[in-house]
Protein backbone atom coordinates (compact mmCIF):
# COMPACT_ATOMS: atom_id res chain seq x y z
CA UNK A 1 85.44 133.82 51.74
CA UNK A 2 87.55 133.95 55.30
CA UNK A 3 91.23 132.30 55.24
CA UNK A 4 91.39 129.51 57.49
CA UNK A 5 94.39 129.31 59.82
CA UNK A 6 96.06 126.31 60.54
CA UNK A 7 97.84 125.23 63.88
CA UNK A 8 100.63 122.55 64.05
CA UNK A 9 101.20 121.42 67.60
CA UNK A 10 104.81 121.81 68.73
CA UNK A 11 104.83 118.60 70.58
CA UNK A 12 102.27 115.63 70.36
CA UNK A 13 102.39 113.06 72.83
CA UNK A 14 100.17 109.68 73.17
CA UNK A 15 100.25 108.17 76.69
CA UNK A 16 98.37 105.33 78.25
CA UNK A 17 94.71 106.11 79.48
CA UNK A 18 95.28 104.52 82.95
CA UNK A 19 98.72 106.05 83.82
CA UNK A 20 98.89 107.54 86.98
CA UNK A 21 98.82 111.42 87.22
CA UNK A 22 102.37 111.54 88.69
CA UNK A 23 103.74 109.50 85.83
CA UNK A 24 101.85 111.29 83.21
CA UNK A 25 103.52 114.38 84.72
CA UNK A 26 106.62 113.24 84.68
CA UNK A 27 106.27 112.10 81.21
CA UNK A 28 104.99 115.57 79.84
CA UNK A 29 108.13 117.29 81.31
CA UNK A 30 110.14 115.03 79.89
CA UNK A 31 108.76 115.41 76.42
CA UNK A 32 109.45 119.19 76.81
CA UNK A 33 105.97 120.29 77.64
CA UNK A 34 105.87 122.73 80.66
CA UNK A 35 103.37 121.94 83.13
CA UNK A 36 102.75 122.44 86.96
CA UNK A 37 102.35 119.99 89.40
CA UNK A 38 98.53 119.44 88.70
CA UNK A 39 99.62 118.87 84.94
CA UNK A 40 98.40 122.24 83.60
CA UNK A 41 100.44 124.05 81.01
CA UNK A 42 102.61 126.89 82.26
CA UNK A 43 102.58 128.17 78.72
CA UNK A 44 101.01 127.94 75.47
CA UNK A 45 98.02 125.48 75.15
CA UNK A 46 98.05 121.88 75.91
CA UNK A 47 94.93 120.04 74.43
CA UNK A 48 94.38 116.76 75.55
CA UNK A 49 92.19 114.01 73.80
CA UNK A 50 91.08 110.48 74.64
CA UNK A 51 91.62 108.26 71.64
CA UNK A 52 91.11 104.53 70.97
CA UNK A 53 88.32 102.08 71.74
CA UNK A 54 87.25 100.61 75.21
CA UNK A 55 89.73 98.06 75.17
CA UNK A 56 93.00 100.22 74.11
CA UNK A 57 92.21 103.64 75.07
CA UNK A 58 94.87 106.35 75.23
CA UNK A 59 95.32 110.22 75.76
CA UNK A 60 96.72 112.35 73.23
CA UNK A 61 98.50 115.51 74.35
CA UNK A 62 98.84 118.18 71.85
CA UNK A 63 101.02 121.38 73.17
CA UNK A 64 100.94 124.47 71.14
CA UNK A 65 104.10 126.77 72.31
CA UNK A 66 101.89 129.76 71.12
CA UNK A 67 98.68 131.07 71.20
CA UNK A 68 96.11 129.34 69.29
């Protein structure tokens, strides 16, 4: 049996689904996630997941500072 490795996100941030890209980028930068002008991680790994139902959707950003 192989040993499972668990990775915990360095930063987790939840933002409204309908937030515009510029505001989303500023929020990511303000939280400490290093992103470029397009919202791509400059380092580490950024995972984005859409959560919630149709009426109350949000995007959850999980940034891992090191390789996953």
